[in-house]
N, C-alpha and C. Protein backbone atom coordinates (compact mmCIF):
# COMPACT_ATOMS: atom_id res chain seq x y z
N MET A 1 117.43 114.30 135.05
CA MET A 1 118.11 113.63 133.75
C MET A 1 117.77 114.04 132.39
N ARG A 2 118.58 114.44 131.92
CA ARG A 2 118.78 115.13 130.42
C ARG A 2 117.77 114.37 129.39
N SER A 3 117.20 115.15 128.74
CA SER A 3 116.21 114.46 127.70
C SER A 3 117.08 114.23 126.67
N PRO A 4 116.44 113.01 125.49
CA PRO A 4 117.37 112.50 124.63
C PRO A 4 117.75 113.48 123.34
N SER A 5 117.25 114.36 123.43
CA SER A 5 117.51 115.56 122.20
C SER A 5 118.34 116.16 122.92
N VAL A 6 118.63 116.66 124.20
CA VAL A 6 119.56 117.55 124.78
C VAL A 6 121.06 116.51 124.86
N ILE A 7 120.83 115.30 125.00
CA ILE A 7 121.74 114.43 124.94
C ILE A 7 122.53 114.52 123.65
N LEU A 8 121.63 114.17 122.62
CA LEU A 8 122.05 114.26 121.21
C LEU A 8 122.61 115.76 120.96
N ALA A 9 122.06 116.95 121.36
CA ALA A 9 123.00 118.00 120.99
C ALA A 9 124.22 118.19 121.36
N LEU A 10 124.37 117.60 122.54
CA LEU A 10 125.91 117.55 123.34
C LEU A 10 126.41 116.69 122.80
N LEU A 11 126.38 115.44 122.15
CA LEU A 11 126.89 114.27 121.60
C LEU A 11 127.33 115.04 120.04
N LEU A 12 126.36 115.67 119.66
CA LEU A 12 126.52 116.39 118.03
C LEU A 12 128.00 117.85 118.19
N GLY A 13 127.83 118.40 119.27
CA GLY A 13 128.40 119.16 119.71
C GLY A 13 127.85 120.67 119.23
N VAL A 14 126.75 120.56 119.40
CA VAL A 14 125.67 121.98 119.01
C VAL A 14 125.14 122.47 120.03
N SER A 15 124.46 123.76 120.35
CA SER A 15 124.51 124.16 121.54
C SER A 15 122.64 123.98 121.32
N SER A 16 122.11 124.32 122.59
CA SER A 16 120.76 124.26 123.07
C SER A 16 119.78 125.25 121.72
N GLY A 17 120.79 126.07 121.60
CA GLY A 17 119.85 127.29 120.83
C GLY A 17 119.90 126.65 119.35
N ALA A 18 120.75 125.99 119.08
CA ALA A 18 120.98 125.47 117.48
C ALA A 18 119.67 124.31 117.71
N MET A 19 119.35 123.57 118.59
CA MET A 19 118.36 122.50 118.42
C MET A 19 116.76 123.17 118.50
N ALA A 20 116.93 124.31 119.35
CA ALA A 20 115.48 124.72 119.48
C ALA A 20 115.25 125.58 117.74
N GLY A 21 116.22 126.10 117.14
CA GLY A 21 116.28 126.89 115.97
C GLY A 21 116.07 125.38 114.58
N GLY A 22 116.76 124.44 114.70
CA GLY A 22 116.59 123.45 114.16
C GLY A 22 115.04 122.63 113.98
N GLN A 23 114.38 122.68 115.34
CA GLN A 23 113.26 122.45 115.91
C GLN A 23 112.09 123.08 114.82
N ALA A 24 112.10 124.56 115.02
CA ALA A 24 111.47 125.35 114.51
C ALA A 24 111.49 125.45 112.87
N SER A 25 112.84 125.34 112.56
CA SER A 25 112.65 125.46 110.91
C SER A 25 111.90 124.58 110.36
N SER A 26 111.91 125.46 108.94
CA SER A 26 110.31 124.78 108.23
C SER A 26 111.30 124.13 106.63
N GLY A 27 112.54 123.92 107.10
CA GLY A 27 113.37 123.67 105.69
C GLY A 27 113.18 122.33 105.32
N LEU A 28 112.88 121.33 106.22
CA LEU A 28 113.15 119.82 106.15
C LEU A 28 112.47 119.35 104.72
N LEU A 29 111.51 119.63 104.08
CA LEU A 29 110.57 119.21 103.45
C LEU A 29 111.35 119.01 101.79
N GLY A 30 111.33 117.88 100.98
CA GLY A 30 112.50 117.41 99.91
C GLY A 30 113.21 116.25 100.38
N GLU A 31 114.26 116.04 99.42
CA GLU A 31 115.17 114.92 99.57
C GLU A 31 116.41 115.40 100.75
N TRP A 32 116.66 114.19 101.31
CA TRP A 32 118.04 114.42 101.79
C TRP A 32 118.66 112.98 101.62
N ARG A 33 120.29 113.04 101.85
CA ARG A 33 120.65 111.68 101.40
C ARG A 33 122.11 111.37 102.47
N GLY A 34 122.28 110.14 102.54
CA GLY A 34 123.39 110.18 103.75
C GLY A 34 124.89 110.56 102.70
N GLU A 35 125.94 110.47 103.54
CA GLU A 35 127.54 110.92 103.05
C GLU A 35 127.47 110.13 101.75
N ASP A 36 127.20 108.69 101.60
CA ASP A 36 127.66 108.23 100.28
C ASP A 36 126.73 108.04 99.39
N GLY A 37 125.09 108.82 99.55
CA GLY A 37 124.11 109.01 98.84
C GLY A 37 123.16 108.24 99.40
N GLU A 38 123.62 106.79 100.10
CA GLU A 38 122.56 106.24 100.88
C GLU A 38 122.96 106.50 102.91
N PRO A 39 121.94 106.24 103.09
CA PRO A 39 120.21 106.29 103.03
C PRO A 39 119.77 107.26 102.43
N VAL A 40 118.45 107.24 101.67
CA VAL A 40 117.61 108.45 101.22
C VAL A 40 116.36 108.69 101.79
N LEU A 41 116.48 109.88 102.49
CA LEU A 41 115.60 110.22 103.32
C LEU A 41 114.14 111.35 102.34
N ILE A 42 113.10 111.37 102.33
CA ILE A 42 112.27 112.32 101.58
C ILE A 42 111.14 112.71 102.64
N PHE A 43 111.49 113.65 102.93
CA PHE A 43 109.85 114.14 103.49
C PHE A 43 108.56 115.14 102.76
N ASP A 44 107.72 114.16 102.50
CA ASP A 44 106.69 114.72 101.46
C ASP A 44 105.94 115.89 101.93
N SER A 45 105.42 115.79 103.38
CA SER A 45 104.79 116.88 104.00
C SER A 45 105.20 117.13 105.57
N PRO A 46 104.31 117.72 106.21
CA PRO A 46 104.95 117.70 107.68
C PRO A 46 104.39 116.77 108.45
N THR A 47 103.88 115.53 107.50
CA THR A 47 103.44 114.23 108.39
C THR A 47 103.68 112.91 107.66
N ARG A 48 104.31 113.38 106.71
CA ARG A 48 104.91 111.77 105.72
C ARG A 48 106.31 112.05 105.39
N LEU A 49 106.70 110.92 105.41
CA LEU A 49 108.19 110.76 104.93
C LEU A 49 108.33 109.38 104.21
N ARG A 50 109.56 109.32 103.61
CA ARG A 50 110.14 108.29 102.87
C ARG A 50 111.57 107.51 103.16
N PHE A 51 111.90 106.51 103.80
CA PHE A 51 113.02 106.11 104.22
C PHE A 51 113.51 105.02 103.52
N ASN A 52 114.30 104.86 102.46
CA ASN A 52 114.50 104.26 101.59
C ASN A 52 113.09 103.53 101.15
N SER A 53 112.47 104.74 100.53
CA SER A 53 111.09 104.06 99.77
C SER A 53 110.10 103.36 100.54
N GLU A 54 110.09 103.18 101.86
CA GLU A 54 109.31 103.04 103.17
C GLU A 54 108.62 104.18 103.17
N VAL A 55 107.15 104.29 102.91
CA VAL A 55 106.45 105.38 103.45
C VAL A 55 105.73 105.26 104.70
N ARG A 56 106.16 106.18 105.45
CA ARG A 56 106.01 106.71 107.03
C ARG A 56 105.07 107.63 107.81
N ALA A 57 104.27 107.65 108.27
CA ALA A 57 103.50 108.72 109.15
C ALA A 57 104.70 109.19 110.14
N TYR A 58 104.61 110.84 110.55
CA TYR A 58 105.32 111.11 111.29
C TYR A 58 105.00 112.27 112.05
N THR A 59 105.24 112.73 113.21
CA THR A 59 105.10 114.24 113.72
C THR A 59 106.93 114.76 114.19
N ARG A 60 106.92 116.15 114.54
CA ARG A 60 107.56 116.61 115.16
C ARG A 60 107.65 117.27 116.98
N SER A 61 108.33 116.91 117.63
CA SER A 61 108.28 117.37 119.03
C SER A 61 109.57 117.13 119.77
N ALA A 62 109.74 118.30 120.20
CA ALA A 62 110.63 118.32 121.29
C ALA A 62 112.44 118.32 120.73
N GLY A 63 112.54 118.33 119.59
CA GLY A 63 113.95 117.87 118.56
C GLY A 63 113.67 116.50 118.59
N ARG A 64 112.65 115.94 118.40
CA ARG A 64 112.65 114.41 117.83
C ARG A 64 111.63 114.20 116.59
N PHE A 65 111.90 113.58 115.78
CA PHE A 65 111.00 112.89 115.12
C PHE A 65 110.25 111.61 115.43
N LEU A 66 108.85 111.94 115.68
CA LEU A 66 108.05 110.60 116.18
C LEU A 66 107.18 109.91 114.69
N VAL A 67 108.03 108.69 114.39
CA VAL A 67 107.70 108.18 113.46
C VAL A 67 106.96 106.94 113.77
N GLN A 68 105.65 106.76 113.03
CA GLN A 68 104.89 105.38 112.56
C GLN A 68 105.41 104.17 112.38
N GLU A 69 106.06 103.30 113.09
CA GLU A 69 106.26 102.20 112.58
C GLU A 69 105.46 100.70 112.59
N GLU A 70 105.56 99.64 112.47
CA GLU A 70 105.11 98.30 112.06
C GLU A 70 104.82 97.87 113.84
N GLY A 71 105.60 98.42 114.59
CA GLY A 71 105.93 98.00 115.74
C GLY A 71 105.34 99.05 117.07
N GLY A 72 105.14 100.44 116.39
CA GLY A 72 104.79 101.34 116.88
C GLY A 72 105.64 102.91 116.51
N VAL A 73 105.20 103.54 117.37
CA VAL A 73 105.72 105.07 117.60
C VAL A 73 107.26 105.14 117.84
N VAL A 74 108.29 105.49 117.18
CA VAL A 74 109.55 105.20 117.58
C VAL A 74 110.12 106.81 117.37
N ALA A 75 110.63 107.17 118.24
CA ALA A 75 111.15 108.64 118.45
C ALA A 75 113.07 108.44 118.17
N TYR A 76 112.87 109.35 117.26
CA TYR A 76 114.52 109.45 116.33
C TYR A 76 114.92 111.11 116.83
N PRO A 77 115.59 111.54 117.96
CA PRO A 77 116.27 112.94 118.33
C PRO A 77 116.83 113.12 116.99
N TYR A 78 116.82 114.47 116.63
CA TYR A 78 117.69 114.93 115.51
C TYR A 78 117.84 116.71 115.69
N VAL A 79 119.34 116.89 114.71
CA VAL A 79 119.27 118.46 114.91
C VAL A 79 119.38 118.60 113.57
N LEU A 80 119.24 119.83 113.20
CA LEU A 80 119.00 120.12 111.88
C LEU A 80 119.68 121.71 112.00
N GLU A 81 121.22 122.01 111.17
CA GLU A 81 122.00 123.08 111.59
C GLU A 81 123.09 122.88 110.17
N GLY A 82 123.12 124.31 109.65
CA GLY A 82 124.26 124.44 108.73
C GLY A 82 123.65 123.56 107.63
N GLY A 83 122.54 123.43 107.20
CA GLY A 83 122.36 122.33 105.85
C GLY A 83 122.48 120.93 106.15
N GLN A 84 122.93 120.47 107.41
CA GLN A 84 123.08 119.37 107.63
C GLN A 84 121.78 118.87 108.54
N LEU A 85 121.41 117.49 108.37
CA LEU A 85 120.35 117.20 109.33
C LEU A 85 120.93 115.80 109.79
N LYS A 86 121.32 115.91 111.15
CA LYS A 86 121.53 114.60 111.76
C LYS A 86 120.36 114.21 112.93
N ILE A 87 120.87 112.84 112.43
CA ILE A 87 119.34 112.02 112.89
C ILE A 87 120.08 110.82 114.00
N ALA A 88 119.76 110.55 114.94
CA ALA A 88 120.09 109.34 115.83
C ALA A 88 119.14 108.18 115.61
N PHE A 89 119.75 107.21 114.95
CA PHE A 89 119.08 106.03 115.30
C PHE A 89 119.06 105.07 116.23
N PRO A 90 118.00 104.95 117.23
CA PRO A 90 118.17 103.92 117.92
C PRO A 90 119.03 102.71 117.97
N GLY A 91 120.15 102.20 118.77
CA GLY A 91 121.44 101.07 118.48
C GLY A 91 122.03 101.44 117.40
N GLU A 92 121.75 102.04 116.49
CA GLU A 92 122.67 102.64 115.35
C GLU A 92 123.72 103.66 115.80
N GLY A 93 123.59 104.53 116.30
CA GLY A 93 124.27 105.88 115.93
C GLY A 93 123.73 106.91 115.49
N VAL A 94 124.50 107.92 114.82
CA VAL A 94 124.37 109.13 114.26
C VAL A 94 124.52 109.18 113.13
N VAL A 95 123.41 109.52 112.19
CA VAL A 95 123.61 109.39 110.60
C VAL A 95 123.74 110.86 110.01
N VAL A 96 124.15 111.43 109.27
CA VAL A 96 124.33 112.70 108.97
C VAL A 96 123.70 112.87 107.39
N PHE A 97 122.60 113.45 107.17
CA PHE A 97 122.36 113.75 105.74
C PHE A 97 122.30 114.91 105.35
N ARG A 98 122.47 115.33 103.91
CA ARG A 98 122.63 116.58 103.39
C ARG A 98 121.91 116.35 101.87
N ARG A 99 121.34 117.74 101.75
CA ARG A 99 120.51 117.69 100.48
C ARG A 99 121.55 117.16 99.54
N PRO A 100 121.08 116.52 98.44
CA PRO A 100 121.67 116.49 96.99
C PRO A 100 121.98 117.61 96.05
N ALA A 101 122.78 117.50 95.16
CA ALA A 101 123.16 118.72 94.15
C ALA A 101 121.69 118.54 93.79
N LYS A 102 121.37 120.37 93.25
CA LYS A 102 120.10 120.57 92.71
C LYS A 102 118.82 119.87 93.43
N SER A 103 118.58 119.43 94.64
CA SER A 103 117.51 118.89 95.09
C SER A 103 116.58 120.22 95.38
N ALA A 104 115.37 120.35 95.34
CA ALA A 104 114.40 120.93 95.72
C ALA A 104 114.33 121.01 97.25
N ALA A 105 114.28 122.18 97.93
CA ALA A 105 113.56 122.00 99.27
C ALA A 105 112.25 122.01 100.01
N VAL A 106 111.55 122.01 98.65
CA VAL A 106 110.19 121.63 98.95
C VAL A 106 109.66 120.99 97.55
N LYS A 107 108.58 120.26 97.86
CA LYS A 107 107.74 119.58 96.93
C LYS A 107 107.43 120.60 95.97
N PRO A 108 107.13 120.07 94.43
CA PRO A 108 106.95 120.99 93.32
C PRO A 108 105.47 121.93 93.91
N ALA A 109 105.78 122.94 93.07
CA ALA A 109 104.39 123.88 93.48
C ALA A 109 102.88 123.14 93.10
N GLY A 110 102.16 122.86 93.87
CA GLY A 110 100.62 122.23 93.59
C GLY A 110 100.81 120.89 93.60
N GLY A 111 101.83 120.46 93.97
CA GLY A 111 102.26 119.18 93.93
C GLY A 111 101.35 118.21 95.05
N GLN A 112 100.36 117.53 94.83
CA GLN A 112 99.58 116.55 95.80
C GLN A 112 99.75 114.81 95.13
N GLU A 113 100.71 115.04 94.08
CA GLU A 113 100.36 114.06 93.65
C GLU A 113 101.10 112.48 94.35
N TYR A 114 101.60 112.91 95.20
CA TYR A 114 102.53 111.93 96.00
C TYR A 114 101.59 111.14 97.01
N LEU A 115 100.48 112.06 97.30
CA LEU A 115 99.40 111.26 98.17
C LEU A 115 98.35 110.46 97.35
N VAL A 116 98.58 109.89 96.06
CA VAL A 116 98.06 109.12 95.33
C VAL A 116 99.54 108.27 94.87
N GLN A 117 99.58 107.08 95.25
CA GLN A 117 101.31 106.52 94.77
C GLN A 117 100.57 105.13 95.19
N GLY A 118 101.31 104.49 93.94
CA GLY A 118 101.05 102.47 94.03
C GLY A 118 100.29 102.11 93.73
N SER A 119 99.79 100.98 93.90
CA SER A 119 98.70 100.11 92.93
C SER A 119 97.11 100.05 93.33
N PHE A 120 96.18 100.54 92.48
CA PHE A 120 94.86 100.38 92.65
C PHE A 120 94.21 99.54 91.82
N CYS A 121 93.30 98.47 92.58
CA CYS A 121 92.78 97.59 91.62
C CYS A 121 91.12 97.64 91.69
N SER A 122 90.74 97.16 90.78
CA SER A 122 89.37 96.94 90.60
C SER A 122 88.83 95.13 90.32
N TYR A 123 87.87 94.84 90.89
CA TYR A 123 87.48 93.48 90.56
C TYR A 123 86.35 93.75 90.47
N SER A 124 85.63 92.44 89.29
CA SER A 124 84.08 92.30 89.14
C SER A 124 84.28 90.49 88.46
N GLY A 125 83.28 89.91 89.06
CA GLY A 125 83.13 88.17 88.48
C GLY A 125 81.67 88.32 88.51
N SER A 126 81.85 86.80 88.08
CA SER A 126 80.27 86.29 88.17
C SER A 126 80.29 84.83 87.90
N SER A 127 79.04 84.05 88.36
CA SER A 127 78.92 82.31 88.38
C SER A 127 77.66 82.09 88.23
N ASN A 128 77.80 81.04 87.48
CA ASN A 128 76.39 80.23 87.53
C ASN A 128 76.55 79.02 86.96
N TYR A 129 75.56 78.26 86.61
CA TYR A 129 75.62 76.92 86.31
C TYR A 129 76.50 76.32 85.44
N SER A 130 76.42 77.23 84.59
CA SER A 130 77.33 77.03 83.19
C SER A 130 78.96 77.29 83.54
N GLY A 131 79.40 78.37 84.65
CA GLY A 131 80.66 78.60 84.70
C GLY A 131 81.12 79.82 85.15
N SER A 132 82.40 80.23 85.09
CA SER A 132 82.48 81.57 86.04
C SER A 132 83.13 82.69 85.43
N TYR A 133 83.28 83.80 85.73
CA TYR A 133 84.08 84.87 85.02
C TYR A 133 84.94 85.80 85.92
N SER A 134 85.98 86.44 85.81
CA SER A 134 86.28 87.15 86.79
C SER A 134 87.26 88.08 85.92
N SER A 135 87.07 89.41 86.41
CA SER A 135 87.97 90.45 85.48
C SER A 135 88.91 91.52 86.81
N SER A 136 89.98 91.75 86.40
CA SER A 136 90.49 92.83 87.08
C SER A 136 91.36 93.92 86.38
N ARG A 137 91.32 94.92 86.77
CA ARG A 137 91.86 96.09 86.38
C ARG A 137 92.66 96.78 87.79
N LYS A 138 93.92 97.22 86.66
CA LYS A 138 95.00 97.61 87.89
C LYS A 138 95.41 99.07 87.56
N ALA A 139 95.69 99.81 88.15
CA ALA A 139 96.41 101.28 87.79
C ALA A 139 97.43 101.32 88.54
N PHE A 140 98.51 101.99 88.09
CA PHE A 140 100.19 102.12 89.10
C PHE A 140 100.31 103.27 88.91
N PHE A 141 100.28 104.08 89.93
CA PHE A 141 100.52 105.55 90.32
C PHE A 141 102.28 105.79 90.87
N ASP A 142 102.86 106.40 90.25
CA ASP A 142 104.18 106.44 90.75
C ASP A 142 104.45 107.66 91.71
N GLY A 143 103.90 108.40 92.15
CA GLY A 143 103.84 109.46 93.25
C GLY A 143 104.36 110.72 92.92
N ARG A 144 104.50 110.82 91.43
CA ARG A 144 105.20 111.98 90.49
C ARG A 144 104.61 112.50 89.20
N GLY A 145 103.58 112.15 89.30
CA GLY A 145 102.33 112.56 88.14
C GLY A 145 102.55 111.32 87.07
N ARG A 146 103.00 110.37 86.96
CA ARG A 146 102.69 109.51 85.76
C ARG A 146 102.08 108.12 86.83
N PHE A 147 100.94 107.70 85.59
CA PHE A 147 100.66 105.93 85.73
C PHE A 147 100.72 105.57 84.50
N ALA A 148 100.23 103.86 84.96
CA ALA A 148 100.30 102.96 84.06
C ALA A 148 99.04 102.12 84.27
N THR A 149 98.25 101.40 83.55
CA THR A 149 97.54 100.79 83.78
C THR A 149 97.59 99.00 82.98
N GLY A 150 96.63 98.22 83.62
CA GLY A 150 97.10 96.83 82.85
C GLY A 150 95.65 95.69 83.56
N GLY A 151 95.44 95.00 82.78
CA GLY A 151 94.30 93.99 83.34
C GLY A 151 94.51 92.82 83.19
N GLU A 152 93.66 92.03 83.87
CA GLU A 152 93.44 90.60 83.85
C GLU A 152 92.42 90.11 83.66
N SER A 153 91.97 88.73 83.20
CA SER A 153 90.71 88.02 83.09
C SER A 153 90.92 86.71 83.00
N SER A 154 89.91 85.49 83.75
CA SER A 154 90.06 84.32 83.60
C SER A 154 88.13 83.79 83.67
N PHE A 155 88.29 82.61 82.67
CA PHE A 155 87.07 82.36 82.89
C PHE A 155 87.33 80.47 83.05
N ASN A 156 86.22 80.12 83.22
CA ASN A 156 85.81 78.73 83.63
C ASN A 156 84.51 78.08 83.24
N THR A 157 84.39 77.33 82.11
CA THR A 157 83.09 77.09 81.59
C THR A 157 83.09 75.28 81.71
N THR A 158 81.95 74.81 82.21
CA THR A 158 81.50 73.79 82.53
C THR A 158 80.97 73.04 80.88
N LEU A 159 81.41 72.02 80.21
CA LEU A 159 80.95 71.65 79.06
C LEU A 159 79.84 70.79 79.01
N TYR A 160 79.61 70.29 77.62
CA TYR A 160 77.88 69.45 77.72
C TYR A 160 78.55 67.58 78.09
N ASP A 161 79.76 67.67 78.19
CA ASP A 161 80.17 66.24 78.53
C ASP A 161 80.98 66.14 80.03
N GLY A 162 80.31 67.33 80.72
CA GLY A 162 80.77 67.49 82.03
C GLY A 162 82.03 67.96 82.46
N GLY A 163 82.87 67.86 81.48
CA GLY A 163 84.49 68.10 81.37
C GLY A 163 84.54 70.08 81.73
N THR A 164 85.34 70.43 81.58
CA THR A 164 85.43 72.10 81.99
C THR A 164 86.49 72.48 81.12
N ALA A 165 86.42 73.60 81.20
CA ALA A 165 87.46 74.40 80.00
C ALA A 165 87.57 75.86 80.46
N GLY A 166 88.94 76.30 80.70
CA GLY A 166 88.68 77.34 81.23
C GLY A 166 90.09 78.19 80.33
N GLY A 167 90.59 79.48 81.02
CA GLY A 167 91.39 80.11 80.41
C GLY A 167 91.86 81.64 80.83
N ALA A 168 93.13 82.00 80.81
CA ALA A 168 93.15 83.60 81.21
C ALA A 168 93.99 84.34 80.42
N SER A 169 93.75 85.31 80.54
CA SER A 169 94.66 86.39 79.87
C SER A 169 94.77 87.48 80.73
N SER A 170 96.12 88.51 80.44
CA SER A 170 96.53 89.62 80.70
C SER A 170 96.87 90.62 79.41
N ASN A 171 96.79 91.80 80.03
CA ASN A 171 96.74 92.73 78.88
C ASN A 171 97.47 94.32 79.62
N ALA A 172 98.51 95.11 78.73
CA ALA A 172 98.74 96.51 79.46
C ALA A 172 97.37 97.14 78.91
N GLY A 173 97.51 98.25 79.60
CA GLY A 173 96.34 99.35 79.31
C GLY A 173 97.36 100.64 78.78
N PRO A 174 96.53 101.70 78.26
CA PRO A 174 97.43 102.87 78.06
C PRO A 174 97.69 103.74 79.55
N GLY A 175 98.91 104.23 79.44
CA GLY A 175 99.44 105.20 80.72
C GLY A 175 99.06 106.64 80.49
N GLY A 176 99.86 107.12 81.55
CA GLY A 176 99.81 108.66 80.95
C GLY A 176 99.95 109.51 82.01
N ARG A 177 99.78 110.41 82.36
CA ARG A 177 99.92 111.86 83.47
C ARG A 177 98.75 111.81 84.40
N TYR A 178 98.98 112.36 85.51
CA TYR A 178 97.41 112.82 86.58
C TYR A 178 98.13 113.57 87.47
N ARG A 179 97.20 114.48 87.64
CA ARG A 179 97.39 115.31 88.81
C ARG A 179 96.45 115.25 89.59
N VAL A 180 96.86 115.79 91.03
CA VAL A 180 95.88 115.33 92.39
C VAL A 180 95.35 117.15 92.66
N GLN A 181 94.28 117.57 93.00
CA GLN A 181 93.58 118.74 93.20
C GLN A 181 92.58 118.21 94.40
N GLY A 182 92.90 118.61 95.18
CA GLY A 182 91.94 118.23 96.65
C GLY A 182 91.70 116.37 96.67
N ASN A 183 90.24 116.44 96.48
CA ASN A 183 89.41 115.15 96.04
C ASN A 183 89.32 114.43 94.71
N LYS A 184 89.83 115.23 93.67
CA LYS A 184 89.60 114.72 92.43
C LYS A 184 91.38 114.25 91.95
N VAL A 185 91.43 113.33 90.86
CA VAL A 185 92.73 113.07 90.46
C VAL A 185 92.23 113.27 88.86
N PHE A 186 92.84 114.12 88.27
CA PHE A 186 92.83 114.67 86.61
C PHE A 186 93.81 113.45 85.81
N LEU A 187 93.63 112.91 84.93
CA LEU A 187 94.00 111.76 84.47
C LEU A 187 93.85 112.36 82.74
N THR A 188 95.23 112.11 82.15
CA THR A 188 95.44 112.58 80.57
C THR A 188 95.95 111.16 80.41
N LEU A 189 95.46 110.40 79.58
CA LEU A 189 95.94 109.24 78.64
C LEU A 189 96.88 109.32 77.71
N SER A 190 97.82 108.56 77.44
CA SER A 190 98.52 108.88 76.50
C SER A 190 98.12 108.95 75.10
N ASP A 191 97.06 108.61 74.57
CA ASP A 191 96.27 108.76 73.69
C ASP A 191 95.35 110.00 73.33
N GLY A 192 95.34 110.76 74.73
CA GLY A 192 95.03 112.33 74.42
C GLY A 192 93.54 112.44 75.35
N THR A 193 93.02 111.43 75.40
CA THR A 193 91.35 111.32 76.38
C THR A 193 92.00 111.65 77.67
N THR A 194 90.85 112.12 78.47
CA THR A 194 90.95 112.85 79.65
C THR A 194 89.84 112.15 80.84
N GLY A 195 89.91 112.04 81.60
CA GLY A 195 89.12 111.91 82.64
C GLY A 195 89.42 112.08 84.26
N VAL A 196 88.43 112.01 84.85
CA VAL A 196 88.64 112.44 86.57
C VAL A 196 88.04 111.25 87.43
N ALA A 197 88.91 110.91 88.20
CA ALA A 197 88.78 110.18 89.41
C ALA A 197 88.24 111.23 90.80
N THR A 198 87.75 110.28 91.67
CA THR A 198 87.30 111.02 92.65
C THR A 198 87.83 109.98 94.02
N VAL A 199 88.01 110.84 95.07
CA VAL A 199 88.86 110.30 96.06
C VAL A 199 87.87 109.46 97.16
N ASN A 200 87.69 108.34 97.40
CA ASN A 200 87.03 107.51 98.16
C ASN A 200 87.30 107.31 99.26
N MET A 201 88.30 107.13 99.65
CA MET A 201 89.27 107.02 101.10
C MET A 201 90.21 107.43 101.05
N ARG A 202 90.65 108.29 102.58
CA ARG A 202 91.86 108.55 102.46
C ARG A 202 92.42 107.94 104.07
N GLN A 203 93.82 107.99 104.16
CA GLN A 203 94.06 107.19 105.34
C GLN A 203 94.64 108.48 106.29
N SER A 204 94.48 108.41 107.42
CA SER A 204 95.16 109.39 108.66
C SER A 204 96.26 110.32 108.16
N ASP A 205 97.08 110.14 107.08
CA ASP A 205 98.65 110.83 106.91
C ASP A 205 98.20 111.49 105.51
N GLY A 206 96.70 111.50 104.86
CA GLY A 206 96.28 111.95 104.03
C GLY A 206 96.75 111.38 102.88
N SER A 207 97.16 109.93 102.48
CA SER A 207 97.19 109.28 101.65
C SER A 207 96.04 108.67 101.01
N VAL A 208 95.89 108.31 99.84
CA VAL A 208 94.69 107.94 99.14
C VAL A 208 94.55 106.45 99.28
N SER A 209 93.53 105.74 99.62
CA SER A 209 93.76 104.07 99.48
C SER A 209 92.50 103.95 98.72
N GLU A 210 91.56 104.29 98.31
CA GLU A 210 90.27 104.38 97.29
C GLU A 210 90.25 105.35 96.18
N LEU A 211 89.71 105.12 95.39
CA LEU A 211 89.41 106.08 94.31
C LEU A 211 88.29 105.32 93.37
N MET A 212 87.24 106.18 92.79
CA MET A 212 86.01 105.95 92.11
C MET A 212 86.68 106.78 90.88
N TYR A 213 86.04 105.52 89.74
CA TYR A 213 86.54 106.17 88.38
C TYR A 213 85.30 105.25 87.15
N GLU A 214 84.81 106.03 86.98
CA GLU A 214 83.65 106.11 86.08
C GLU A 214 82.53 104.74 86.23
N GLY A 215 82.29 105.27 87.87
CA GLY A 215 81.63 104.46 88.51
C GLY A 215 82.25 102.70 88.87
N THR A 216 83.57 102.63 88.74
CA THR A 216 84.11 101.65 89.54
C THR A 216 85.00 101.91 90.35
N LEU A 217 84.88 101.45 91.63
CA LEU A 217 85.97 101.49 92.62
C LEU A 217 87.34 100.56 92.49
N TYR A 218 88.17 101.72 92.79
CA TYR A 218 89.73 101.13 92.73
C TYR A 218 90.42 101.35 93.96
N ALA A 219 90.78 100.12 94.85
CA ALA A 219 91.15 100.06 95.90
C ALA A 219 92.90 99.45 95.96
N LYS A 220 93.40 100.23 97.15
CA LYS A 220 94.70 99.33 97.32
C LYS A 220 94.39 98.04 97.79
N GLY A 221 93.55 97.71 98.72
CA GLY A 221 93.18 96.56 99.24
C GLY A 221 92.69 95.51 98.37
N LEU A 222 92.21 95.82 97.27
CA LEU A 222 91.78 94.72 96.21
C LEU A 222 93.28 94.60 95.29
N CYS A 223 93.65 94.72 95.75
CA CYS A 223 95.18 94.61 94.83
C CYS A 223 96.22 93.29 95.58
N GLU A 224 95.53 92.71 96.92
CA GLU A 224 96.07 91.75 97.80
C GLU A 224 95.97 90.77 97.37
C-alpha cells in the first residue's frame, strides 16, 4: 500500500524526487498564504507554527507535518516545490500556499520574541476580619517585540454598623518594547526605563508560560 505522502505526490503530479527535496528543504520558516490571502500559515521555528493565529507544535516526518492538536496528533502530507507549499488537509483536499510579497523566508535575526506571546498575569490578595483586598497585573506580549500592561484592584470592607462597602478599579500601565535572549526578557518601557524578566517556565515547544519580574510571578495560567 502506498504511503499518504506518495499518494499526495501522485495527486499533485510531482515526482518522488521532488517530494524528497521538499522534505529536506529548510525554506519553510516564515509566512505562507492561500491563493486569496487566506488561510495564513506561519512557521515560527522547526517545531512551532501558527495557522490562522492558532499556535501549534509540530514535527516533520516522511513528507508529512505531524501537528499537535486538541484531539491528538494529526498528519498533513505536504509537497514543497517551486515556491509552492501544497498541503493535504484531511477531508478537505489540497490547499496551495505561497509566500506573500516581501515576506522574509526566516524570522528576523536574533528574534526569539515569538516565544513570549500572549497575556501574563500576577495576583496578590489579603483578607482579615475587616475585609479583603486583591490586585492583579497583566502584561500582553505581541510576539513581535512590543508589549502593553494594565492592572485591576478590588476591595471589600466591613463597616462598623455591620454593612459592607467595596469597589473596583482598573488602569492601563506603560507599554514598550521587549527582546528575548535565552532565559532573559529585556524590557524597555515607553518612558525610557528598563528592566529584565527571567523565564520561570517553558512548554515543550519552547514557548514561555511563566516569567519572574522584580520578585513577582507573571503566568499565563493566572489570567484564566
